[in-house]
Amino acid sequence: MSHNKQPIARIRVINECLSGGGFWSKKQLINEISKIDLDISDRTLDNDINLMRNCAQLKYIAPIKYCKTNKGYYYTDHNYSIDKLPLNQTDIKALELAATTLKQYQYIPIMKEFTATIDKIIRVVNRAKQSNHESILDFIEFEKTPVAQGLEFIDIIINAIQKKVALNISYQKFGHEVSNSQIIHPYSLKEYRNRWYIVAFNETKGDIRTYGLDRIKLLIEIDAPYINNKFIDTKEYLSNCIGINLMDKKIDAVQLHFTSKEGNYIKTQPLHKSQVILEDSSDSGLILEYKLIINYELIGIILSYGSHVKVIKPKFLADKIAEISKRTREQYLLH
């Protein structure tokens, strides 16, 4: 392969040498470059050093000098490295936004090991800011959600999924006064509305179940044969519903009629990936169709839109919404 096609590889070797301090002769640098199976001439080395000193395309302005006394090249700035390139304003904003976004998830146990790295990025970005650069933190406010219960179990669950280890969980359903012990074989984790769930095979029930981490009282790894996932595609398992409740797993065609004003929001943020627009009129409103499992989460979402939505079909869903709305109205009439 032509030497001219490997300048970046050679430059990185030269940078590593000079970043380590001391003075490096041409012979020493050429020997180091030969260790990555690249044999070059003195002239090629001279070209590489000149490229490092001033390359607009790569943004290299390396402070390389030659010391006649010590007969070697060196960095006049001991802290310089081609890996520490200056950031422009766009770079700074992008890095700060990324780091700030990641910082929102520091409460998740598995992210703790990255906390120092995230903080380091933020410190570097802050130092790199120009005096006229206002911090992104000053004018972007992220949604602050309360720390979800059960997050202390995430590390154990992730380890169990990766290493294929069975778990014994003490699980207490909502509305139940006592918890019960269950052996499960975890396959995946899912977050929905700031709650975390395990999708796992329940050995006793012989079926796939979903467990909310906030209802787990105790969780331990057990020395038992792990049952591999031959039952579901974890990426598709909950794709036909909103949330985590599969009910009877029957997929229905659901048609909803939204007012024009509310419809504008739904078009930009679909309720489900199956959303299809059947009719869109500024006068009559927006009619949407979904192919999904009708569950408690869907019913809750429909109710949250109040009088701005009407269920067209299926009829049993329309009747259910009407019944709940009637009971809600009656509660207020009683007072």
C-alpha atoms as a PDB file:
ATOM      1  CA  MET A   1       0.000   0.000   0.000  1.00  0.00           C
ATOM      2  CA  SER A   2       1.278   3.458  -0.838  1.00  0.00           C
ATOM      3  CA  HIS A   3       2.800   5.355   2.086  1.00  0.00           C
ATOM      4  CA  ASN A   4       0.896   8.439   1.009  1.00  0.00           C
ATOM      5  CA  LYS A   5      -2.360   6.689   1.835  1.00  0.00           C
ATOM      6  CA  GLN A   6      -1.365   6.252   5.504  1.00  0.00           C
ATOM      7  CA  PRO A   7      -0.575   9.800   6.745  1.00  0.00           C
ATOM      8  CA  ILE A   8      -3.146   9.723   9.578  1.00  0.00           C
ATOM      9  CA  ALA A   9      -1.728   6.468  10.975  1.00  0.00           C
ATOM     10  CA  ARG A  10       1.813   7.861  10.851  1.00  0.00           C
ATOM     11  CA  ILE A  11       0.772  11.193  12.360  1.00  0.00           C
ATOM     12  CA  ARG A  12      -0.861   9.423  15.287  1.00  0.00           C
ATOM     13  CA  VAL A  13       2.364   7.560  16.021  1.00  0.00           C
ATOM     14  CA  ILE A  14       4.381  10.791  15.893  1.00  0.00           C
ATOM     15  CA  ASN A  15       1.838  12.470  18.162  1.00  0.00           C
ATOM     16  CA  GLU A  16       2.024   9.653  20.714  1.00  0.00           C
ATOM     17  CA  CYS A  17       5.809   9.933  20.786  1.00  0.00           C
ATOM     18  CA  LEU A  18       5.931  13.708  21.189  1.00  0.00           C
ATOM     19  CA  SER A  19       3.024  13.761  23.680  1.00  0.00           C
ATOM     20  CA  GLY A  20       5.068  11.519  25.953  1.00  0.00           C
ATOM     21  CA  GLY A  21       7.712  14.225  26.286  1.00  0.00           C
ATOM     22  CA  GLY A  22      11.413  14.210  25.554  1.00  0.00           C
ATOM     23  CA  PHE A  23      13.224  14.686  22.273  1.00  0.00           C
ATOM     24  CA  TRP A  24      12.746  12.359  19.318  1.00  0.00           C
ATOM     25  CA  SER A  25      15.212  11.989  16.485  1.00  0.00           C
ATOM     26  CA  LYS A  26      14.129  11.167  12.957  1.00  0.00           C
ATOM     27  CA  LYS A  27      15.536   7.668  13.344  1.00  0.00           C
ATOM     28  CA  GLN A  28      13.554   7.062  16.536  1.00  0.00           C
ATOM     29  CA  LEU A  29      10.314   8.314  14.990  1.00  0.00           C
ATOM     30  CA  ILE A  30      10.811   6.207  11.854  1.00  0.00           C
ATOM     31  CA  ASN A  31      11.478   3.153  14.040  1.00  0.00           C
ATOM     32  CA  GLU A  32       8.236   3.733  15.975  1.00  0.00           C
ATOM     33  CA  ILE A  33       6.278   4.111  12.735  1.00  0.00           C
ATOM     34  CA  SER A  34       7.801   0.872  11.425  1.00  0.00           C
ATOM     35  CA  LYS A  35       6.168  -0.942  14.370  1.00  0.00           C
ATOM     36  CA  ILE A  36       2.808  -0.517  12.631  1.00  0.00           C
ATOM     37  CA  ASP A  37       4.248  -2.056   9.469  1.00  0.00           C
ATOM     38  CA  LEU A  38       4.906   1.229   7.707  1.00  0.00           C
ATOM     39  CA  ASP A  39       8.428   1.854   6.375  1.00  0.00           C
ATOM     40  CA  ILE A  40       8.978   5.471   5.389  1.00  0.00           C
ATOM     41  CA  SER A  41      11.789   7.742   4.245  1.00  0.00           C
ATOM     42  CA  ASP A  42      13.205  10.844   5.930  1.00  0.00           C
ATOM     43  CA  ARG A  43      11.411  12.956   3.334  1.00  0.00           C
ATOM     44  CA  THR A  44       8.020  11.379   4.139  1.00  0.00           C
ATOM     45  CA  LEU A  45       8.600  12.036   7.839  1.00  0.00           C
ATOM     46  CA  ASP A  46       9.429  15.682   7.080  1.00  0.00           C
ATOM     47  CA  ASN A  47       6.164  15.993   5.123  1.00  0.00           C
ATOM     48  CA  ASP A  48       4.185  14.439   7.973  1.00  0.00           C
ATOM     49  CA  ILE A  49       5.686  16.830  10.542  1.00  0.00           C
ATOM     50  CA  ASN A  50       4.944  19.822   8.290  1.00  0.00           C
ATOM     51  CA  LEU A  51       1.377  18.543   7.897  1.00  0.00           C
ATOM     52  CA  MET A  52       1.001  18.368  11.657  1.00  0.00           C
ATOM     53  CA  ARG A  53       2.350  21.900  12.047  1.00  0.00           C
ATOM     54  CA  ASN A  54      -0.179  23.423   9.690  1.00  0.00           C
ATOM     55  CA  CYS A  55      -3.084  21.485   8.209  1.00  0.00           C
ATOM     56  CA  ALA A  56      -6.291  23.491   7.779  1.00  0.00           C
ATOM     57  CA  GLN A  57      -8.330  20.435   6.761  1.00  0.00           C
ATOM     58  CA  LEU A  58      -7.410  18.428   9.862  1.00  0.00           C
ATOM     59  CA  LYS A  59      -7.160  21.513  12.092  1.00  0.00           C
ATOM     60  CA  TYR A  60      -3.649  20.500  13.157  1.00  0.00           C
ATOM     61  CA  ILE A  61      -1.468  23.359  14.383  1.00  0.00           C
ATOM     62  CA  ALA A  62       1.024  21.241  16.300  1.00  0.00           C
ATOM     63  CA  PRO A  63       3.754  23.219  18.184  1.00  0.00           C
ATOM     64  CA  ILE A  64       6.609  21.037  16.899  1.00  0.00           C
ATOM     65  CA  LYS A  65      10.167  22.339  17.151  1.00  0.00           C
ATOM     66  CA  TYR A  66      13.569  20.766  16.495  1.00  0.00           C
ATOM     67  CA  CYS A  67      16.214  21.063  19.206  1.00  0.00           C
ATOM     68  CA  LYS A  68      19.722  21.085  17.739  1.00  0.00           C
ATOM     69  CA  THR A  69      21.315  20.515  21.150  1.00  0.00           C
ATOM     70  CA  ASN A  70      19.275  17.377  21.878  1.00  0.00           C
ATOM     71  CA  LYS A  71      18.991  16.485  18.193  1.00  0.00           C
ATOM     72  CA  GLY A  72      15.283  15.754  18.310  1.00  0.00           C
ATOM     73  CA  TYR A  73      11.743  16.969  17.761  1.00  0.00           C
ATOM     74  CA  TYR A  74       9.484  17.956  20.662  1.00  0.00           C
ATOM     75  CA  TYR A  75       6.214  19.723  21.521  1.00  0.00           C
ATOM     76  CA  THR A  76       6.818  23.207  22.916  1.00  0.00           C
ATOM     77  CA  ASP A  77       3.451  22.873  24.687  1.00  0.00           C
ATOM     78  CA  HIS A  78       3.710  19.776  26.872  1.00  0.00           C
ATOM     79  CA  ASN A  79      -0.099  19.556  27.140  1.00  0.00           C
ATOM     80  CA  TYR A  80      -0.668  19.553  23.391  1.00  0.00           C
ATOM     81  CA  SER A  81      -2.027  16.536  21.501  1.00  0.00           C
ATOM     82  CA  ILE A  82      -3.772  16.225  18.155  1.00  0.00           C
ATOM     83  CA  ASP A  83      -6.533  14.504  20.144  1.00  0.00           C
ATOM     84  CA  LYS A  84      -7.151  17.776  22.002  1.00  0.00           C
ATOM     85  CA  LEU A  85      -8.333  19.866  19.092  1.00  0.00           C
ATOM     86  CA  PRO A  86      -9.963  23.253  19.730  1.00  0.00           C
ATOM     87  CA  LEU A  87     -13.759  23.318  19.710  1.00  0.00           C
ATOM     88  CA  ASN A  88     -15.785  25.812  17.755  1.00  0.00           C
ATOM     89  CA  GLN A  89     -19.077  27.230  19.024  1.00  0.00           C
ATOM     90  CA  THR A  90     -21.136  24.576  17.252  1.00  0.00           C
ATOM     91  CA  ASP A  91     -18.996  21.802  18.774  1.00  0.00           C
ATOM     92  CA  ILE A  92     -19.331  23.320  22.238  1.00  0.00           C
ATOM     93  CA  LYS A  93     -23.111  23.609  22.033  1.00  0.00           C
ATOM     94  CA  ALA A  94     -23.499  20.060  20.718  1.00  0.00           C
ATOM     95  CA  LEU A  95     -21.248  18.602  23.431  1.00  0.00           C
ATOM     96  CA  GLU A  96     -22.926  20.545  26.198  1.00  0.00           C
ATOM     97  CA  LEU A  97     -26.391  19.535  25.080  1.00  0.00           C
ATOM     98  CA  ALA A  98     -25.354  15.868  24.846  1.00  0.00           C
ATOM     99  CA  ALA A  99     -23.732  15.885  28.281  1.00  0.00           C
ATOM    100  CA  THR A 100     -26.654  17.716  29.854  1.00  0.00           C
ATOM    101  CA  THR A 101     -29.101  15.241  28.326  1.00  0.00           C
ATOM    102  CA  LEU A 102     -27.131  12.290  29.705  1.00  0.00           C
ATOM    103  CA  LYS A 103     -26.990  13.934  33.119  1.00  0.00           C
ATOM    104  CA  GLN A 104     -30.763  13.561  33.427  1.00  0.00           C
ATOM    105  CA  TYR A 105     -30.305   9.782  33.662  1.00  0.00           C
ATOM    106  CA  GLN A 106     -27.657   9.741  36.372  1.00  0.00           C
ATOM    107  CA  TYR A 107     -30.146   8.315  38.868  1.00  0.00           C
ATOM    108  CA  ILE A 108     -30.176   5.031  36.940  1.00  0.00           C
ATOM    109  CA  PRO A 109     -27.636   2.768  38.673  1.00  0.00           C
ATOM    110  CA  ILE A 110     -25.980   1.552  35.470  1.00  0.00           C
ATOM    111  CA  MET A 111     -25.212   5.167  34.533  1.00  0.00           C
ATOM    112  CA  LYS A 112     -23.240   5.819  37.730  1.00  0.00           C
ATOM    113  CA  GLU A 113     -20.040   4.553  36.154  1.00  0.00           C
ATOM    114  CA  PHE A 114     -20.356   7.280  33.493  1.00  0.00           C
ATOM    115  CA  THR A 115     -21.055  10.116  35.950  1.00  0.00           C
ATOM    116  CA  ALA A 116     -17.411  11.141  36.203  1.00  0.00           C
ATOM    117  CA  THR A 117     -17.050  11.102  32.420  1.00  0.00           C
ATOM    118  CA  ILE A 118     -20.169  13.225  31.925  1.00  0.00           C
ATOM    119  CA  ASP A 119     -18.987  15.724  34.538  1.00  0.00           C
ATOM    120  CA  LYS A 120     -15.559  15.823  32.895  1.00  0.00           C
ATOM    121  CA  ILE A 121     -17.133  16.642  29.512  1.00  0.00           C
ATOM    122  CA  ILE A 122     -19.164  19.441  31.068  1.00  0.00           C
ATOM    123  CA  ARG A 123     -16.054  20.875  32.758  1.00  0.00           C
ATOM    124  CA  VAL A 124     -14.090  20.737  29.502  1.00  0.00           C
ATOM    125  CA  VAL A 125     -16.937  22.400  27.607  1.00  0.00           C
ATOM    126  CA  ASN A 126     -17.238  25.115  30.247  1.00  0.00           C
ATOM    127  CA  ARG A 127     -13.527  25.873  29.956  1.00  0.00           C
ATOM    128  CA  ALA A 128     -13.794  25.960  26.175  1.00  0.00           C
ATOM    129  CA  LYS A 129     -16.648  28.455  26.147  1.00  0.00           C
ATOM    130  CA  GLN A 130     -15.964  31.930  24.922  1.00  0.00           C
ATOM    131  CA  SER A 131     -16.951  34.805  27.183  1.00  0.00           C
ATOM    132  CA  ASN A 132     -19.927  35.605  24.977  1.00  0.00           C
ATOM    133  CA  HIS A 133     -21.266  32.051  24.991  1.00  0.00           C
ATOM    134  CA  GLU A 134     -24.244  31.638  27.299  1.00  0.00           C
ATOM    135  CA  SER A 135     -24.540  28.229  28.889  1.00  0.00           C
ATOM    136  CA  ILE A 136     -27.151  25.957  27.363  1.00  0.00           C
ATOM    137  CA  LEU A 137     -28.054  25.032  30.920  1.00  0.00           C
ATOM    138  CA  ASP A 138     -29.327  28.573  31.421  1.00  0.00           C
ATOM    139  CA  PHE A 139     -32.101  28.433  28.876  1.00  0.00           C
ATOM    140  CA  ILE A 140     -32.945  24.767  28.284  1.00  0.00           C
ATOM    141  CA  GLU A 141     -35.046  23.164  30.980  1.00  0.00           C
ATOM    142  CA  PHE A 142     -35.389  19.394  30.829  1.00  0.00           C
ATOM    143  CA  GLU A 143     -38.421  17.626  32.195  1.00  0.00           C
ATOM    144  CA  LYS A 144     -37.669  16.597  35.737  1.00  0.00           C
ATOM    145  CA  THR A 145     -39.320  13.310  36.629  1.00  0.00           C
ATOM    146  CA  PRO A 146     -39.283  11.798  40.107  1.00  0.00           C
ATOM    147  CA  VAL A 147     -36.882   8.948  40.697  1.00  0.00           C
ATOM    148  CA  ALA A 148     -38.789   5.745  39.930  1.00  0.00           C
ATOM    149  CA  GLN A 149     -38.964   3.049  42.572  1.00  0.00           C
ATOM    150  CA  GLY A 150     -37.175  -0.221  41.873  1.00  0.00           C
ATOM    151  CA  LEU A 151     -34.222   1.302  40.021  1.00  0.00           C
ATOM    152  CA  GLU A 152     -31.882  -0.289  42.542  1.00  0.00           C
ATOM    153  CA  PHE A 153     -32.646  -3.632  40.880  1.00  0.00           C
ATOM    154  CA  ILE A 154     -31.679  -2.621  37.333  1.00  0.00           C
ATOM    155  CA  ASP A 155     -28.008  -3.583  37.563  1.00  0.00           C
ATOM    156  CA  ILE A 156     -28.867  -7.076  38.822  1.00  0.00           C
ATOM    157  CA  ILE A 157     -31.499  -7.533  36.107  1.00  0.00           C
ATOM    158  CA  ILE A 158     -29.191  -6.384  33.300  1.00  0.00           C
ATOM    159  CA  ASN A 159     -26.494  -8.740  34.553  1.00  0.00           C
ATOM    160  CA  ALA A 160     -29.023 -11.602  34.711  1.00  0.00           C
ATOM    161  CA  ILE A 161     -30.211 -10.965  31.142  1.00  0.00           C
ATOM    162  CA  GLN A 162     -26.676 -10.768  29.768  1.00  0.00           C
ATOM    163  CA  LYS A 163     -25.346 -13.776  31.673  1.00  0.00           C
ATOM    164  CA  LYS A 164     -28.610 -15.764  31.430  1.00  0.00           C
ATOM    165  CA  VAL A 165     -29.274 -16.178  35.120  1.00  0.00           C
ATOM    166  CA  ALA A 166     -32.625 -17.041  36.695  1.00  0.00           C
ATOM    167  CA  LEU A 167     -34.033 -14.736  39.372  1.00  0.00           C
ATOM    168  CA  ASN A 168     -36.185 -15.261  42.430  1.00  0.00           C
ATOM    169  CA  ILE A 169     -38.367 -12.219  43.026  1.00  0.00           C
ATOM    170  CA  SER A 170     -40.695 -11.287  45.830  1.00  0.00           C
ATOM    171  CA  TYR A 171     -43.483  -9.469  43.984  1.00  0.00           C
ATOM    172  CA  GLN A 172     -46.461  -7.572  45.395  1.00  0.00           C
ATOM    173  CA  LYS A 173     -49.200  -6.577  42.975  1.00  0.00           C
ATOM    174  CA  PHE A 174     -51.125  -3.356  43.455  1.00  0.00           C
ATOM    175  CA  GLY A 175     -54.132  -4.016  45.677  1.00  0.00           C
ATOM    176  CA  HIS A 176     -52.548  -7.031  47.354  1.00  0.00           C
ATOM    177  CA  GLU A 177     -51.431  -6.919  50.965  1.00  0.00           C
ATOM    178  CA  VAL A 178     -48.750  -9.579  50.706  1.00  0.00           C
ATOM    179  CA  SER A 179     -46.047 -10.420  48.206  1.00  0.00           C
ATOM    180  CA  ASN A 180     -45.346 -13.818  46.699  1.00  0.00           C
ATOM    181  CA  SER A 181     -42.147 -15.480  45.566  1.00  0.00           C
ATOM    182  CA  GLN A 182     -41.694 -16.290  41.879  1.00  0.00           C
ATOM    183  CA  ILE A 183     -38.886 -17.731  39.776  1.00  0.00           C
ATOM    184  CA  ILE A 184     -38.458 -15.843  36.542  1.00  0.00           C
ATOM    185  CA  HIS A 185     -36.097 -15.932  33.564  1.00  0.00           C
ATOM    186  CA  PRO A 186     -35.578 -12.297  32.440  1.00  0.00           C
ATOM    187  CA  TYR A 187     -35.368 -11.430  28.724  1.00  0.00           C
ATOM    188  CA  SER A 188     -35.671  -7.645  28.456  1.00  0.00           C
ATOM    189  CA  LEU A 189     -36.281  -4.332  30.223  1.00  0.00           C
ATOM    190  CA  LYS A 190     -38.777  -1.678  29.159  1.00  0.00           C
ATOM    191  CA  GLU A 191     -39.471   1.829  30.386  1.00  0.00           C
ATOM    192  CA  TYR A 192     -42.937   3.349  30.128  1.00  0.00           C
ATOM    193  CA  ARG A 193     -43.868   6.681  31.687  1.00  0.00           C
ATOM    194  CA  ASN A 194     -40.947   6.656  34.108  1.00  0.00           C
ATOM    195  CA  ARG A 195     -41.696   3.127  35.297  1.00  0.00           C
ATOM    196  CA  TRP A 196     -39.458   0.180  34.503  1.00  0.00           C
ATOM    197  CA  TYR A 197     -40.628  -3.346  33.723  1.00  0.00           C
ATOM    198  CA  ILE A 198     -39.023  -6.759  33.237  1.00  0.00           C
ATOM    199  CA  VAL A 199     -40.301  -9.007  30.478  1.00  0.00           C
ATOM    200  CA  ALA A 200     -39.608 -12.531  31.684  1.00  0.00           C
ATOM    201  CA  PHE A 201     -40.694 -16.164  31.534  1.00  0.00           C
ATOM    202  CA  ASN A 202     -42.504 -17.265  34.683  1.00  0.00           C
ATOM    203  CA  GLU A 203     -41.473 -20.838  35.404  1.00  0.00           C
ATOM    204  CA  THR A 204     -44.548 -21.652  37.501  1.00  0.00           C
ATOM    205  CA  LYS A 205     -47.106 -20.100  35.142  1.00  0.00           C
ATOM    206  CA  GLY A 206     -45.269 -21.368  32.057  1.00  0.00           C
ATOM    207  CA  ASP A 207     -45.849 -18.065  30.309  1.00  0.00           C
ATOM    208  CA  ILE A 208     -44.288 -14.689  29.513  1.00  0.00           C
ATOM    209  CA  ARG A 209     -45.127 -12.060  32.129  1.00  0.00           C
ATOM    210  CA  THR A 210     -44.313  -8.391  32.702  1.00  0.00           C
ATOM    211  CA  TYR A 211     -43.254  -7.179  36.146  1.00  0.00           C
ATOM    212  CA  GLY A 212     -43.038  -3.594  37.378  1.00  0.00           C
ATOM    213  CA  LEU A 213     -39.800  -2.929  39.230  1.00  0.00           C
ATOM    214  CA  ASP A 214     -41.643  -0.683  41.681  1.00  0.00           C
ATOM    215  CA  ARG A 215     -43.580  -3.732  42.927  1.00  0.00           C
ATOM    216  CA  ILE A 216     -40.548  -5.927  43.496  1.00  0.00           C
ATOM    217  CA  LYS A 217     -39.718  -6.221  47.192  1.00  0.00           C
ATOM    218  CA  LEU A 218     -36.729  -8.514  46.891  1.00  0.00           C
ATOM    219  CA  LEU A 219     -34.709  -9.883  43.988  1.00  0.00           C
ATOM    220  CA  ILE A 220     -31.837 -12.375  44.042  1.00  0.00           C
ATOM    221  CA  GLU A 221     -29.946 -14.493  41.530  1.00  0.00           C
ATOM    222  CA  ILE A 222     -30.431 -18.222  41.943  1.00  0.00           C
ATOM    223  CA  ASP A 223     -28.440 -21.251  40.891  1.00  0.00           C
ATOM    224  CA  ALA A 224     -31.032 -22.846  38.647  1.00  0.00           C
ATOM    225  CA  PRO A 225     -31.086 -23.840  34.947  1.00  0.00           C
ATOM    226  CA  TYR A 226     -31.873 -20.791  32.846  1.00  0.00           C
ATOM    227  CA  ILE A 227     -34.681 -21.135  30.321  1.00  0.00           C
ATOM    228  CA  ASN A 228     -33.585 -19.465  27.094  1.00  0.00           C
ATOM    229  CA  ASN A 229     -35.987 -17.226  25.229  1.00  0.00           C
ATOM    230  CA  LYS A 230     -37.704 -19.306  22.554  1.00  0.00           C
ATOM    231  CA  PHE A 231     -41.057 -17.655  23.040  1.00  0.00           C
ATOM    232  CA  ILE A 232     -41.014 -14.045  21.887  1.00  0.00           C
ATOM    233  CA  ASP A 233     -39.190 -11.452  19.830  1.00  0.00           C
ATOM    234  CA  THR A 234     -38.339  -9.011  22.634  1.00  0.00           C
ATOM    235  CA  LYS A 235     -38.237  -6.048  20.235  1.00  0.00           C
ATOM    236  CA  GLU A 236     -41.714  -6.789  18.908  1.00  0.00           C
ATOM    237  CA  TYR A 237     -43.379  -8.215  22.017  1.00  0.00           C
ATOM    238  CA  LEU A 238     -44.979  -4.960  23.172  1.00  0.00           C
ATOM    239  CA  SER A 239     -45.018  -3.223  19.791  1.00  0.00           C
ATOM    240  CA  ASN A 240     -48.754  -3.765  19.235  1.00  0.00           C
ATOM    241  CA  CYS A 241     -49.895  -1.935  22.313  1.00  0.00           C
ATOM    242  CA  ILE A 242     -49.429   1.321  24.181  1.00  0.00           C
ATOM    243  CA  GLY A 243     -47.667   0.665  27.448  1.00  0.00           C
ATOM    244  CA  ILE A 244     -47.083  -2.833  28.830  1.00  0.00           C
ATOM    245  CA  ASN A 245     -50.511  -4.471  29.186  1.00  0.00           C
ATOM    246  CA  LEU A 246     -51.267  -7.024  26.452  1.00  0.00           C
ATOM    247  CA  MET A 247     -54.732  -7.968  27.787  1.00  0.00           C
ATOM    248  CA  ASP A 248     -55.977 -10.830  25.544  1.00  0.00           C
ATOM    249  CA  LYS A 249     -53.394  -9.983  22.819  1.00  0.00           C
ATOM    250  CA  LYS A 250     -56.181  -9.351  20.288  1.00  0.00           C
ATOM    251  CA  ILE A 251     -55.358  -6.570  17.820  1.00  0.00           C
ATOM    252  CA  ASP A 252     -58.266  -4.298  16.895  1.00  0.00           C
ATOM    253  CA  ALA A 253     -58.768  -1.519  14.374  1.00  0.00           C
ATOM    254  CA  VAL A 254     -59.392   1.582  16.478  1.00  0.00           C
ATOM    255  CA  GLN A 255     -60.722   4.777  14.900  1.00  0.00           C
ATOM    256  CA  LEU A 256     -60.636   8.055  16.812  1.00  0.00           C
ATOM    257  CA  HIS A 257     -62.097  11.417  15.818  1.00  0.00           C
ATOM    258  CA  PHE A 258     -60.177  14.409  17.204  1.00  0.00           C
ATOM    259  CA  THR A 259     -61.133  18.061  17.017  1.00  0.00           C
ATOM    260  CA  SER A 260     -59.045  20.074  14.577  1.00  0.00           C
ATOM    261  CA  LYS A 261     -57.112  21.862  17.304  1.00  0.00           C
ATOM    262  CA  GLU A 262     -56.209  18.697  19.187  1.00  0.00           C
ATOM    263  CA  GLY A 263     -55.580  16.875  15.933  1.00  0.00           C
ATOM    264  CA  ASN A 264     -52.654  19.174  15.144  1.00  0.00           C
ATOM    265  CA  TYR A 265     -50.802  17.880  18.211  1.00  0.00           C
ATOM    266  CA  ILE A 266     -51.600  14.236  17.471  1.00  0.00           C
ATOM    267  CA  LYS A 267     -50.268  14.527  13.923  1.00  0.00           C
ATOM    268  CA  THR A 268     -46.884  15.721  15.171  1.00  0.00           C
ATOM    269  CA  GLN A 269     -46.691  13.219  18.026  1.00  0.00           C
ATOM    270  CA  PRO A 270     -48.537   9.999  17.108  1.00  0.00           C
ATOM    271  CA  LEU A 271     -50.122   7.954  19.867  1.00  0.00           C
ATOM    272  CA  HIS A 272     -48.800   4.727  18.303  1.00  0.00           C
ATOM    273  CA  LYS A 273     -46.592   3.724  15.384  1.00  0.00           C
ATOM    274  CA  SER A 274     -49.619   2.269  13.528  1.00  0.00           C
ATOM    275  CA  GLN A 275     -51.308   5.682  13.312  1.00  0.00           C
ATOM    276  CA  VAL A 276     -52.871   6.376   9.898  1.00  0.00           C
ATOM    277  CA  ILE A 277     -54.771   9.510   8.907  1.00  0.00           C
ATOM    278  CA  LEU A 278     -58.150   8.659   7.357  1.00  0.00           C
ATOM    279  CA  GLU A 279     -59.516  12.198   7.207  1.00  0.00           C
ATOM    280  CA  ASP A 280     -58.008  15.592   7.897  1.00  0.00           C
ATOM    281  CA  SER A 281     -60.210  18.654   7.721  1.00  0.00           C
ATOM    282  CA  SER A 282     -59.950  22.045   9.382  1.00  0.00           C
ATOM    283  CA  ASP A 283     -63.744  22.008   9.711  1.00  0.00           C
ATOM    284  CA  SER A 284     -64.675  18.458  10.686  1.00  0.00           C
ATOM    285  CA  GLY A 285     -61.460  17.495  12.444  1.00  0.00           C
ATOM    286  CA  LEU A 286     -59.056  14.577  12.227  1.00  0.00           C
ATOM    287  CA  ILE A 287     -59.967  10.886  11.963  1.00  0.00           C
ATOM    288  CA  LEU A 288     -57.171   8.452  12.791  1.00  0.00           C
ATOM    289  CA  GLU A 289     -56.954   4.688  12.697  1.00  0.00           C
ATOM    290  CA  TYR A 290     -54.720   2.405  14.766  1.00  0.00           C
ATOM    291  CA  LYS A 291     -54.075  -1.313  14.723  1.00  0.00           C
ATOM    292  CA  LEU A 292     -53.353  -2.213  18.318  1.00  0.00           C
ATOM    293  CA  ILE A 293     -54.362  -4.079  21.456  1.00  0.00           C
ATOM    294  CA  ILE A 294     -57.014  -2.275  23.472  1.00  0.00           C
ATOM    295  CA  ASN A 295     -55.765  -2.043  27.054  1.00  0.00           C
ATOM    296  CA  TYR A 296     -55.980   0.142  30.155  1.00  0.00           C
ATOM    297  CA  GLU A 297     -53.253   2.458  28.900  1.00  0.00           C
ATOM    298  CA  LEU A 298     -55.121   3.196  25.654  1.00  0.00           C
ATOM    299  CA  ILE A 299     -58.366   3.807  27.528  1.00  0.00           C
ATOM    300  CA  GLY A 300     -56.562   6.167  29.902  1.00  0.00           C
ATOM    301  CA  ILE A 301     -55.069   8.143  27.013  1.00  0.00           C
ATOM    302  CA  ILE A 302     -58.432   8.481  25.256  1.00  0.00           C
ATOM    303  CA  LEU A 303     -60.066   9.696  28.477  1.00  0.00           C
ATOM    304  CA  SER A 304     -57.287  12.247  28.971  1.00  0.00           C
ATOM    305  CA  TYR A 305     -58.442  14.099  25.820  1.00  0.00           C
ATOM    306  CA  GLY A 306     -61.947  14.557  27.243  1.00  0.00           C
ATOM    307  CA  SER A 307     -64.411  16.137  24.818  1.00  0.00           C
ATOM    308  CA  HIS A 308     -61.709  16.632  22.165  1.00  0.00           C
ATOM    309  CA  VAL A 309     -61.913  12.994  21.055  1.00  0.00           C
ATOM    310  CA  LYS A 310     -64.642  10.532  20.128  1.00  0.00           C
ATOM    311  CA  VAL A 311     -64.258   6.794  19.573  1.00  0.00           C
ATOM    312  CA  ILE A 312     -65.770   5.813  16.216  1.00  0.00           C
ATOM    313  CA  LYS A 313     -64.949   2.128  16.460  1.00  0.00           C
ATOM    314  CA  PRO A 314     -64.920  -0.516  17.777  1.00  0.00           C
ATOM    315  CA  LYS A 315     -68.281  -0.094  19.459  1.00  0.00           C
ATOM    316  CA  PHE A 316     -67.321  -1.883  22.656  1.00  0.00           C
ATOM    317  CA  LEU A 317     -64.521   0.628  23.200  1.00  0.00           C
ATOM    318  CA  ALA A 318     -66.862   3.557  22.525  1.00  0.00           C
ATOM    319  CA  ASP A 319     -69.317   2.086  25.045  1.00  0.00           C
ATOM    320  CA  LYS A 320     -66.537   1.646  27.609  1.00  0.00           C
ATOM    321  CA  ILE A 321     -65.413   5.269  27.272  1.00  0.00           C
ATOM    322  CA  ALA A 322     -69.020   6.460  27.500  1.00  0.00           C
ATOM    323  CA  GLU A 323     -69.612   4.380  30.614  1.00  0.00           C
ATOM    324  CA  ILE A 324     -66.531   5.709  32.403  1.00  0.00           C
ATOM    325  CA  SER A 325     -67.364   9.277  31.378  1.00  0.00           C
ATOM    326  CA  LYS A 326     -70.888   8.846  32.735  1.00  0.00           C
ATOM    327  CA  ARG A 327     -69.636   7.563  36.086  1.00  0.00           C
ATOM    328  CA  THR A 328     -67.162  10.425  36.299  1.00  0.00           C
ATOM    329  CA  ARG A 329     -69.920  12.960  35.636  1.00  0.00           C
ATOM    330  CA  GLU A 330     -72.157  11.349  38.254  1.00  0.00           C
ATOM    331  CA  GLN A 331     -69.427  11.664  40.869  1.00  0.00           C
ATOM    332  CA  TYR A 332     -69.426  15.430  40.435  1.00  0.00           C
ATOM    333  CA  LEU A 333     -73.231  15.666  40.385  1.00  0.00           C
ATOM    334  CA  LEU A 334     -73.381  13.943  43.771  1.00  0.00           C
ATOM    335  CA  HIS A 335     -71.492  16.849  45.279  1.00  0.00           C
END
